[in-house]
Amino acid sequence: TVAVLERDAGPIDQSRALLVHPRTLELWRPLGITDE
């Protein structure tokens, strides 16, 4: 059971960080989001 709290009013709408490394894509694969 998880609660996620965020002080911002909603998702960001700026580019900010741009680079996703291969290791991140590897970690995302079992989460089901790498292909997208």
PDB file of all heavy atoms in Angstrom:
ATOM      1  N   THR A   1       0.865  -1.177   0.000  1.00  0.00           N
ATOM      2  CA  THR A   1       0.000   0.000   0.000  1.00  0.00           C
ATOM      3  C   THR A   1       0.902   1.227   0.000  1.00  0.00           C
ATOM      4  O   THR A   1       1.859   1.311   0.777  1.00  0.00           O
ATOM      5  CB  THR A   1      -0.927   0.028   1.225  1.00  0.00           C
ATOM      6  OG1 THR A   1      -0.140  -0.027   2.431  1.00  0.00           O
ATOM      7  CG2 THR A   1      -1.901  -1.135   1.189  1.00  0.00           C
ATOM      8  N   VAL A   2       0.609   2.159  -0.903  1.00  0.00           N
ATOM      9  CA  VAL A   2       1.504   3.293  -1.148  1.00  0.00           C
ATOM     10  C   VAL A   2       0.705   4.581  -1.181  1.00  0.00           C
ATOM     11  O   VAL A   2      -0.401   4.624  -1.727  1.00  0.00           O
ATOM     12  CB  VAL A   2       2.244   3.129  -2.499  1.00  0.00           C
ATOM     13  CG1 VAL A   2       3.239   4.273  -2.711  1.00  0.00           C
ATOM     14  CG2 VAL A   2       2.947   1.785  -2.578  1.00  0.00           C
ATOM     15  N   ALA A   3       1.266   5.635  -0.614  1.00  0.00           N
ATOM     16  CA  ALA A   3       0.734   6.989  -0.779  1.00  0.00           C
ATOM     17  C   ALA A   3       1.830   7.825  -1.410  1.00  0.00           C
ATOM     18  O   ALA A   3       2.972   7.812  -0.944  1.00  0.00           O
ATOM     19  CB  ALA A   3       0.319   7.585   0.561  1.00  0.00           C
ATOM     20  N   VAL A   4       1.490   8.534  -2.501  1.00  0.00           N
ATOM     21  CA  VAL A   4       2.442   9.419  -3.171  1.00  0.00           C
ATOM     22  C   VAL A   4       1.973  10.856  -2.958  1.00  0.00           C
ATOM     23  O   VAL A   4       0.874  11.223  -3.372  1.00  0.00           O
ATOM     24  CB  VAL A   4       2.540   9.123  -4.679  1.00  0.00           C
ATOM     25  CG1 VAL A   4       3.562  10.050  -5.341  1.00  0.00           C
ATOM     26  CG2 VAL A   4       2.891   7.664  -4.926  1.00  0.00           C
ATOM     27  N   LEU A   5       2.812  11.664  -2.303  1.00  0.00           N
ATOM     28  CA  LEU A   5       2.483  13.054  -2.039  1.00  0.00           C
ATOM     29  C   LEU A   5       3.381  13.963  -2.875  1.00  0.00           C
ATOM     30  O   LEU A   5       4.579  13.716  -2.981  1.00  0.00           O
ATOM     31  CB  LEU A   5       2.682  13.389  -0.560  1.00  0.00           C
ATOM     32  CG  LEU A   5       1.965  12.503   0.466  1.00  0.00           C
ATOM     33  CD1 LEU A   5       2.225  13.022   1.867  1.00  0.00           C
ATOM     34  CD2 LEU A   5       0.480  12.432   0.184  1.00  0.00           C
ATOM     35  N   GLU A   6       2.782  14.994  -3.460  1.00  0.00           N
ATOM     36  CA  GLU A   6       3.537  15.931  -4.288  1.00  0.00           C
ATOM     37  C   GLU A   6       3.062  17.344  -4.005  1.00  0.00           C
ATOM     38  O   GLU A   6       1.865  17.614  -4.020  1.00  0.00           O
ATOM     39  CB  GLU A   6       3.339  15.600  -5.770  1.00  0.00           C
ATOM     40  CG  GLU A   6       3.898  16.618  -6.742  1.00  0.00           C
ATOM     41  CD  GLU A   6       5.375  16.904  -6.548  1.00  0.00           C
ATOM     42  OE1 GLU A   6       6.185  15.949  -6.572  1.00  0.00           O
ATOM     43  OE2 GLU A   6       5.721  18.092  -6.367  1.00  0.00           O
ATOM     44  N   ARG A   7       4.016  18.245  -3.744  1.00  0.00           N
ATOM     45  CA  ARG A   7       3.650  19.628  -3.419  1.00  0.00           C
ATOM     46  C   ARG A   7       3.143  20.401  -4.632  1.00  0.00           C
ATOM     47  O   ARG A   7       2.391  21.354  -4.485  1.00  0.00           O
ATOM     48  CB  ARG A   7       4.817  20.346  -2.765  1.00  0.00           C
ATOM     49  CG  ARG A   7       6.008  20.515  -3.652  1.00  0.00           C
ATOM     50  CD  ARG A   7       7.164  21.153  -2.905  1.00  0.00           C
ATOM     51  NE  ARG A   7       8.385  21.061  -3.695  1.00  0.00           N
ATOM     52  CZ  ARG A   7       9.599  21.012  -3.179  1.00  0.00           C
ATOM     53  NH1 ARG A   7       9.756  21.052  -1.878  1.00  0.00           N
ATOM     54  NH2 ARG A   7      10.642  20.920  -3.946  1.00  0.00           N
ATOM     55  N   ASP A   8       3.585  20.025  -5.854  1.00  0.00           N
ATOM     56  CA  ASP A   8       3.080  20.698  -7.051  1.00  0.00           C
ATOM     57  C   ASP A   8       1.596  20.406  -7.236  1.00  0.00           C
ATOM     58  O   ASP A   8       1.088  19.373  -6.779  1.00  0.00           O
ATOM     59  CB  ASP A   8       3.841  20.244  -8.297  1.00  0.00           C
ATOM     60  CG  ASP A   8       5.276  20.774  -8.335  1.00  0.00           C
ATOM     61  OD1 ASP A   8       5.598  21.683  -7.533  1.00  0.00           O
ATOM     62  OD2 ASP A   8       6.060  20.272  -9.156  1.00  0.00           O
ATOM     63  N   ALA A   9       0.920  21.295  -7.957  1.00  0.00           N
ATOM     64  CA  ALA A   9      -0.525  21.166  -8.154  1.00  0.00           C
ATOM     65  C   ALA A   9      -0.890  20.113  -9.197  1.00  0.00           C
ATOM     66  O   ALA A   9      -2.044  19.704  -9.288  1.00  0.00           O
ATOM     67  CB  ALA A   9      -1.116  22.513  -8.556  1.00  0.00           C
ATOM     68  N   GLY A  10       0.081  19.682  -9.996  1.00  0.00           N
ATOM     69  CA  GLY A  10      -0.190  18.691 -11.034  1.00  0.00           C
ATOM     70  C   GLY A  10       1.088  18.350 -11.769  1.00  0.00           C
ATOM     71  O   GLY A  10       2.174  18.845 -11.417  1.00  0.00           O
ATOM     72  N   PRO A  11       0.978  17.519 -12.799  1.00  0.00           N
ATOM     73  CA  PRO A  11       2.168  17.136 -13.558  1.00  0.00           C
ATOM     74  C   PRO A  11       2.856  18.346 -14.187  1.00  0.00           C
ATOM     75  O   PRO A  11       2.218  19.364 -14.466  1.00  0.00           O
ATOM     76  CB  PRO A  11       1.606  16.200 -14.640  1.00  0.00           C
ATOM     77  CG  PRO A  11       0.296  15.735 -14.104  1.00  0.00           C
ATOM     78  CD  PRO A  11      -0.241  16.870 -13.280  1.00  0.00           C
ATOM     79  N   ILE A  12       4.152  18.215 -14.420  1.00  0.00           N
ATOM     80  CA  ILE A  12       4.906  19.300 -15.038  1.00  0.00           C
ATOM     81  C   ILE A  12       4.530  19.423 -16.511  1.00  0.00           C
ATOM     82  O   ILE A  12       4.011  18.477 -17.115  1.00  0.00           O
ATOM     83  CB  ILE A  12       6.429  19.087 -14.898  1.00  0.00           C
ATOM     84  CG1 ILE A  12       6.879  17.831 -15.658  1.00  0.00           C
ATOM     85  CG2 ILE A  12       6.832  19.030 -13.447  1.00  0.00           C
ATOM     86  CD1 ILE A  12       8.375  17.712 -15.792  1.00  0.00           C
ATOM     87  N   ASP A  13       4.817  20.593 -17.098  1.00  0.00           N
ATOM     88  CA  ASP A  13       4.561  20.773 -18.525  1.00  0.00           C
ATOM     89  C   ASP A  13       5.807  21.302 -19.243  1.00  0.00           C
ATOM     90  O   ASP A  13       5.712  21.833 -20.341  1.00  0.00           O
ATOM     91  CB  ASP A  13       3.366  21.694 -18.757  1.00  0.00           C
ATOM     92  CG  ASP A  13       3.568  23.089 -18.174  1.00  0.00           C
ATOM     93  OD1 ASP A  13       4.649  23.338 -17.570  1.00  0.00           O
ATOM     94  OD2 ASP A  13       2.670  23.930 -18.319  1.00  0.00           O
ATOM     95  N   GLN A  14       6.981  21.135 -18.629  1.00  0.00           N
ATOM     96  CA  GLN A  14       8.236  21.549 -19.250  1.00  0.00           C
ATOM     97  C   GLN A  14       9.080  20.321 -19.609  1.00  0.00           C
ATOM     98  O   GLN A  14       8.853  19.238 -19.101  1.00  0.00           O
ATOM     99  CB  GLN A  14       9.058  22.443 -18.318  1.00  0.00           C
ATOM    100  CG  GLN A  14       8.347  23.667 -17.801  1.00  0.00           C
ATOM    101  CD  GLN A  14       7.673  23.404 -16.487  1.00  0.00           C
ATOM    102  OE1 GLN A  14       8.101  22.540 -15.728  1.00  0.00           O
ATOM    103  NE2 GLN A  14       6.619  24.121 -16.194  1.00  0.00           N
ATOM    104  N   SER A  15      10.070  20.553 -20.466  1.00  0.00           N
ATOM    105  CA  SER A  15      10.955  19.457 -20.887  1.00  0.00           C
ATOM    106  C   SER A  15      11.808  18.946 -19.729  1.00  0.00           C
ATOM    107  O   SER A  15      11.884  17.757 -19.471  1.00  0.00           O
ATOM    108  CB  SER A  15      11.866  19.915 -22.022  1.00  0.00           C
ATOM    109  OG  SER A  15      11.122  20.257 -23.148  1.00  0.00           O
ATOM    110  N   ARG A  16      12.498  19.868 -19.054  1.00  0.00           N
ATOM    111  CA  ARG A  16      13.431  19.546 -17.966  1.00  0.00           C
ATOM    112  C   ARG A  16      14.439  18.486 -18.414  1.00  0.00           C
ATOM    113  O   ARG A  16      15.054  18.621 -19.451  1.00  0.00           O
ATOM    114  CB  ARG A  16      12.660  19.145 -16.709  1.00  0.00           C
ATOM    115  CG  ARG A  16      11.779  20.265 -16.166  1.00  0.00           C
ATOM    116  CD  ARG A  16      11.260  19.958 -14.776  1.00  0.00           C
ATOM    117  NE  ARG A  16      10.286  20.957 -14.369  1.00  0.00           N
ATOM    118  CZ  ARG A  16       9.654  20.926 -13.214  1.00  0.00           C
ATOM    119  NH1 ARG A  16       9.891  19.951 -12.338  1.00  0.00           N
ATOM    120  NH2 ARG A  16       8.780  21.880 -12.903  1.00  0.00           N
ATOM    121  N   ALA A  17      14.614  17.417 -17.636  1.00  0.00           N
ATOM    122  CA  ALA A  17      15.598  16.387 -17.995  1.00  0.00           C
ATOM    123  C   ALA A  17      15.184  15.711 -19.301  1.00  0.00           C
ATOM    124  O   ALA A  17      14.007  15.431 -19.525  1.00  0.00           O
ATOM    125  CB  ALA A  17      15.705  15.361 -16.872  1.00  0.00           C
ATOM    126  N   LEU A  18      16.177  15.446 -20.158  1.00  0.00           N
ATOM    127  CA  LEU A  18      15.868  14.959 -21.499  1.00  0.00           C
ATOM    128  C   LEU A  18      16.382  13.556 -21.806  1.00  0.00           C
ATOM    129  O   LEU A  18      15.918  12.924 -22.748  1.00  0.00           O
ATOM    130  CB  LEU A  18      16.480  15.910 -22.544  1.00  0.00           C
ATOM    131  CG  LEU A  18      15.977  17.345 -22.547  1.00  0.00           C
ATOM    132  CD1 LEU A  18      16.845  18.185 -23.478  1.00  0.00           C
ATOM    133  CD2 LEU A  18      14.532  17.388 -22.984  1.00  0.00           C
ATOM    134  N   LEU A  19      17.358  13.069 -21.048  1.00  0.00           N
ATOM    135  CA  LEU A  19      18.060  11.843 -21.429  1.00  0.00           C
ATOM    136  C   LEU A  19      17.659  10.663 -20.545  1.00  0.00           C
ATOM    137  O   LEU A  19      17.673  10.755 -19.322  1.00  0.00           O
ATOM    138  CB  LEU A  19      19.575  12.072 -21.329  1.00  0.00           C
ATOM    139  CG  LEU A  19      20.471  10.891 -21.691  1.00  0.00           C
ATOM    140  CD1 LEU A  19      20.243  10.471 -23.134  1.00  0.00           C
ATOM    141  CD2 LEU A  19      21.931  11.257 -21.463  1.00  0.00           C
ATOM    142  N   VAL A  20      17.297   9.565 -21.200  1.00  0.00           N
ATOM    143  CA  VAL A  20      17.016   8.307 -20.504  1.00  0.00           C
ATOM    144  C   VAL A  20      18.110   7.321 -20.902  1.00  0.00           C
ATOM    145  O   VAL A  20      18.315   7.053 -22.090  1.00  0.00           O
ATOM    146  CB  VAL A  20      15.621   7.741 -20.884  1.00  0.00           C
ATOM    147  CG1 VAL A  20      15.395   6.398 -20.218  1.00  0.00           C
ATOM    148  CG2 VAL A  20      14.531   8.736 -20.502  1.00  0.00           C
ATOM    149  N   HIS A  21      18.817   6.798 -19.913  1.00  0.00           N
ATOM    150  CA  HIS A  21      19.929   5.892 -20.180  1.00  0.00           C
ATOM    151  C   HIS A  21      19.442   4.452 -20.383  1.00  0.00           C
ATOM    152  O   HIS A  21      18.340   4.089 -19.940  1.00  0.00           O
ATOM    153  CB  HIS A  21      20.918   5.935 -19.015  1.00  0.00           C
ATOM    154  CG  HIS A  21      21.613   7.252 -18.879  1.00  0.00           C
ATOM    155  ND1 HIS A  21      22.627   7.654 -19.728  1.00  0.00           N
ATOM    156  CD2 HIS A  21      21.446   8.275 -17.998  1.00  0.00           C
ATOM    157  CE1 HIS A  21      23.051   8.850 -19.373  1.00  0.00           C
ATOM    158  NE2 HIS A  21      22.344   9.249 -18.327  1.00  0.00           N
ATOM    159  N   PRO A  22      20.265   3.613 -21.021  1.00  0.00           N
ATOM    160  CA  PRO A  22      19.882   2.209 -21.239  1.00  0.00           C
ATOM    161  C   PRO A  22      19.491   1.477 -19.962  1.00  0.00           C
ATOM    162  O   PRO A  22      18.547   0.690 -19.965  1.00  0.00           O
ATOM    163  CB  PRO A  22      21.151   1.602 -21.863  1.00  0.00           C
ATOM    164  CG  PRO A  22      21.767   2.742 -22.594  1.00  0.00           C
ATOM    165  CD  PRO A  22      21.523   3.943 -21.712  1.00  0.00           C
ATOM    166  N   ARG A  23      20.205   1.723 -18.869  1.00  0.00           N
ATOM    167  CA  ARG A  23      19.888   1.008 -17.627  1.00  0.00           C
ATOM    168  C   ARG A  23      18.486   1.352 -17.147  1.00  0.00           C
ATOM    169  O   ARG A  23      17.781   0.488 -16.607  1.00  0.00           O
ATOM    170  CB  ARG A  23      20.926   1.338 -16.541  1.00  0.00           C
ATOM    171  CG  ARG A  23      20.697   0.578 -15.241  1.00  0.00           C
ATOM    172  CD  ARG A  23      20.731  -0.930 -15.446  1.00  0.00           C
ATOM    173  NE  ARG A  23      20.473  -1.650 -14.219  1.00  0.00           N
ATOM    174  CZ  ARG A  23      19.801  -2.796 -14.142  1.00  0.00           C
ATOM    175  NH1 ARG A  23      19.316  -3.350 -15.251  1.00  0.00           N
ATOM    176  NH2 ARG A  23      19.620  -3.393 -12.990  1.00  0.00           N
ATOM    177  N   THR A  24      18.065   2.596 -17.349  1.00  0.00           N
ATOM    178  CA  THR A  24      16.700   2.978 -16.977  1.00  0.00           C
ATOM    179  C   THR A  24      15.691   2.216 -17.821  1.00  0.00           C
ATOM    180  O   THR A  24      14.681   1.714 -17.307  1.00  0.00           O
ATOM    181  CB  THR A  24      16.505   4.490 -17.138  1.00  0.00           C
ATOM    182  OG1 THR A  24      17.448   5.177 -16.305  1.00  0.00           O
ATOM    183  CG2 THR A  24      15.093   4.904 -16.751  1.00  0.00           C
ATOM    184  N   LEU A  25      15.953   2.100 -19.119  1.00  0.00           N
ATOM    185  CA  LEU A  25      15.055   1.343 -19.996  1.00  0.00           C
ATOM    186  C   LEU A  25      14.990  -0.121 -19.572  1.00  0.00           C
ATOM    187  O   LEU A  25      13.926  -0.753 -19.625  1.00  0.00           O
ATOM    188  CB  LEU A  25      15.517   1.463 -21.453  1.00  0.00           C
ATOM    189  CG  LEU A  25      15.403   2.864 -22.056  1.00  0.00           C
ATOM    190  CD1 LEU A  25      16.084   2.915 -23.430  1.00  0.00           C
ATOM    191  CD2 LEU A  25      13.943   3.292 -22.172  1.00  0.00           C
ATOM    192  N   GLU A  26      16.127  -0.669 -19.130  1.00  0.00           N
ATOM    193  CA  GLU A  26      16.138  -2.045 -18.623  1.00  0.00           C
ATOM    194  C   GLU A  26      15.257  -2.179 -17.383  1.00  0.00           C
ATOM    195  O   GLU A  26      14.495  -3.139 -17.241  1.00  0.00           O
ATOM    196  CB  GLU A  26      17.571  -2.468 -18.289  1.00  0.00           C
ATOM    197  CG  GLU A  26      18.475  -2.621 -19.493  1.00  0.00           C
ATOM    198  CD  GLU A  26      19.936  -2.827 -19.111  1.00  0.00           C
ATOM    199  OE1 GLU A  26      20.264  -2.734 -17.903  1.00  0.00           O
ATOM    200  OE2 GLU A  26      20.735  -3.067 -20.008  1.00  0.00           O
ATOM    201  N   LEU A  27      15.386  -1.198 -16.477  1.00  0.00           N
ATOM    202  CA  LEU A  27      14.598  -1.241 -15.240  1.00  0.00           C
ATOM    203  C   LEU A  27      13.116  -1.035 -15.510  1.00  0.00           C
ATOM    204  O   LEU A  27      12.264  -1.573 -14.785  1.00  0.00           O
ATOM    205  CB  LEU A  27      15.115  -0.175 -14.265  1.00  0.00           C
ATOM    206  CG  LEU A  27      16.509  -0.416 -13.695  1.00  0.00           C
ATOM    207  CD1 LEU A  27      17.012   0.818 -12.962  1.00  0.00           C
ATOM    208  CD2 LEU A  27      16.517  -1.624 -12.771  1.00  0.00           C
ATOM    209  N   TRP A  28      12.797  -0.237 -16.523  1.00  0.00           N
ATOM    210  CA  TRP A  28      11.390   0.025 -16.858  1.00  0.00           C
ATOM    211  C   TRP A  28      10.723  -1.160 -17.546  1.00  0.00           C
ATOM    212  O   TRP A  28       9.507  -1.261 -17.545  1.00  0.00           O
ATOM    213  CB  TRP A  28      11.294   1.241 -17.773  1.00  0.00           C
ATOM    214  CG  TRP A  28      11.373   2.549 -17.060  1.00  0.00           C
ATOM    215  CD1 TRP A  28      11.389   2.775 -15.713  1.00  0.00           C
ATOM    216  CD2 TRP A  28      11.447   3.837 -17.681  1.00  0.00           C
ATOM    217  NE1 TRP A  28      11.463   4.117 -15.456  1.00  0.00           N
ATOM    218  CE2 TRP A  28      11.509   4.792 -16.634  1.00  0.00           C
ATOM    219  CE3 TRP A  28      11.474   4.269 -18.995  1.00  0.00           C
ATOM    220  CZ2 TRP A  28      11.584   6.159 -16.888  1.00  0.00           C
ATOM    221  CZ3 TRP A  28      11.556   5.628 -19.253  1.00  0.00           C
ATOM    222  CH2 TRP A  28      11.597   6.558 -18.199  1.00  0.00           C
ATOM    223  N   ARG A  29      11.516  -2.051 -18.154  1.00  0.00           N
ATOM    224  CA  ARG A  29      10.920  -3.142 -18.935  1.00  0.00           C
ATOM    225  C   ARG A  29       9.933  -3.979 -18.116  1.00  0.00           C
ATOM    226  O   ARG A  29       8.801  -4.190 -18.556  1.00  0.00           O
ATOM    227  CB  ARG A  29      12.012  -4.021 -19.543  1.00  0.00           C
ATOM    228  CG  ARG A  29      11.442  -5.192 -20.341  1.00  0.00           C
ATOM    229  CD  ARG A  29      12.528  -6.111 -20.829  1.00  0.00           C
ATOM    230  NE  ARG A  29      12.875  -5.840 -22.196  1.00  0.00           N
ATOM    231  CZ  ARG A  29      13.858  -6.463 -22.837  1.00  0.00           C
ATOM    232  NH1 ARG A  29      14.602  -7.349 -22.221  1.00  0.00           N
ATOM    233  NH2 ARG A  29      14.103  -6.190 -24.100  1.00  0.00           N
ATOM    234  N   PRO A  30      10.302  -4.470 -16.923  1.00  0.00           N
ATOM    235  CA  PRO A  30       9.320  -5.252 -16.150  1.00  0.00           C
ATOM    236  C   PRO A  30       8.136  -4.422 -15.647  1.00  0.00           C
ATOM    237  O   PRO A  30       7.124  -4.983 -15.239  1.00  0.00           O
ATOM    238  CB  PRO A  30      10.133  -5.828 -14.985  1.00  0.00           C
ATOM    239  CG  PRO A  30      11.342  -4.978 -14.887  1.00  0.00           C
ATOM    240  CD  PRO A  30      11.625  -4.461 -16.259  1.00  0.00           C
ATOM    241  N   LEU A  31       8.262  -3.100 -15.688  1.00  0.00           N
ATOM    242  CA  LEU A  31       7.148  -2.240 -15.285  1.00  0.00           C
ATOM    243  C   LEU A  31       6.157  -2.036 -16.425  1.00  0.00           C
ATOM    244  O   LEU A  31       5.068  -1.490 -16.214  1.00  0.00           O
ATOM    245  CB  LEU A  31       7.667  -0.868 -14.814  1.00  0.00           C
ATOM    246  CG  LEU A  31       8.757  -0.854 -13.752  1.00  0.00           C
ATOM    247  CD1 LEU A  31       9.005   0.564 -13.281  1.00  0.00           C
ATOM    248  CD2 LEU A  31       8.409  -1.764 -12.587  1.00  0.00           C
ATOM    249  N   GLY A  32       6.557  -2.449 -17.638  1.00  0.00           N
ATOM    250  CA  GLY A  32       5.654  -2.369 -18.776  1.00  0.00           C
ATOM    251  C   GLY A  32       5.600  -1.028 -19.469  1.00  0.00           C
ATOM    252  O   GLY A  32       4.604  -0.726 -20.137  1.00  0.00           O
ATOM    253  N   ILE A  33       6.660  -0.198 -19.346  1.00  0.00           N
ATOM    254  CA  ILE A  33       6.589   1.118 -19.985  1.00  0.00           C
ATOM    255  C   ILE A  33       7.713   1.378 -20.983  1.00  0.00           C
ATOM    256  O   ILE A  33       7.710   2.410 -21.654  1.00  0.00           O
ATOM    257  CB  ILE A  33       6.569   2.252 -18.944  1.00  0.00           C
ATOM    258  CG1 ILE A  33       7.854   2.270 -18.130  1.00  0.00           C
ATOM    259  CG2 ILE A  33       5.352   2.148 -18.043  1.00  0.00           C
ATOM    260  CD1 ILE A  33       7.941   3.471 -17.214  1.00  0.00           C
ATOM    261  N   THR A  34       8.651   0.452 -21.129  1.00  0.00           N
ATOM    262  CA  THR A  34       9.790   0.694 -22.021  1.00  0.00           C
ATOM    263  C   THR A  34       9.360   0.866 -23.471  1.00  0.00           C
ATOM    264  O   THR A  34       9.836   1.776 -24.164  1.00  0.00           O
ATOM    265  CB  THR A  34      10.816  -0.444 -21.900  1.00  0.00           C
ATOM    266  OG1 THR A  34      11.353  -0.436 -20.566  1.00  0.00           O
ATOM    267  CG2 THR A  34      11.959  -0.264 -22.877  1.00  0.00           C
ATOM    268  N   ASP A  35       8.494   0.003 -23.966  1.00  0.00           N
ATOM    269  CA  ASP A  35       8.080   0.091 -25.375  1.00  0.00           C
ATOM    270  C   ASP A  35       7.434   1.437 -25.676  1.00  0.00           C
ATOM    271  O   ASP A  35       7.703   2.045 -26.720  1.00  0.00           O
ATOM    272  CB  ASP A  35       7.116  -1.046 -25.727  1.00  0.00           C
ATOM    273  CG  ASP A  35       7.809  -2.403 -25.770  1.00  0.00           C
ATOM    274  OD1 ASP A  35       9.062  -2.431 -25.823  1.00  0.00           O
ATOM    275  OD2 ASP A  35       7.107  -3.428 -25.734  1.00  0.00           O
ATOM    276  N   GLU A  36       6.595   1.917 -24.779  1.00  0.00           N
ATOM    277  CA  GLU A  36       5.931   3.194 -25.004  1.00  0.00           C
ATOM    278  C   GLU A  36       6.929   4.345 -24.893  1.00  0.00           C
ATOM    279  O   GLU A  36       6.833   5.341 -25.632  1.00  0.00           O
ATOM    280  CB  GLU A  36       4.790   3.386 -24.011  1.00  0.00           C
ATOM    281  CG  GLU A  36       3.965   4.641 -24.220  1.00  0.00           C
ATOM    282  CD  GLU A  36       3.264   4.718 -25.566  1.00  0.00           C
ATOM    283  OE1 GLU A  36       3.131   3.683 -26.252  1.00  0.00           O
ATOM    284  OE2 GLU A  36       2.844   5.835 -25.942  1.00  0.00           O
TER     285      GLU A  36
END
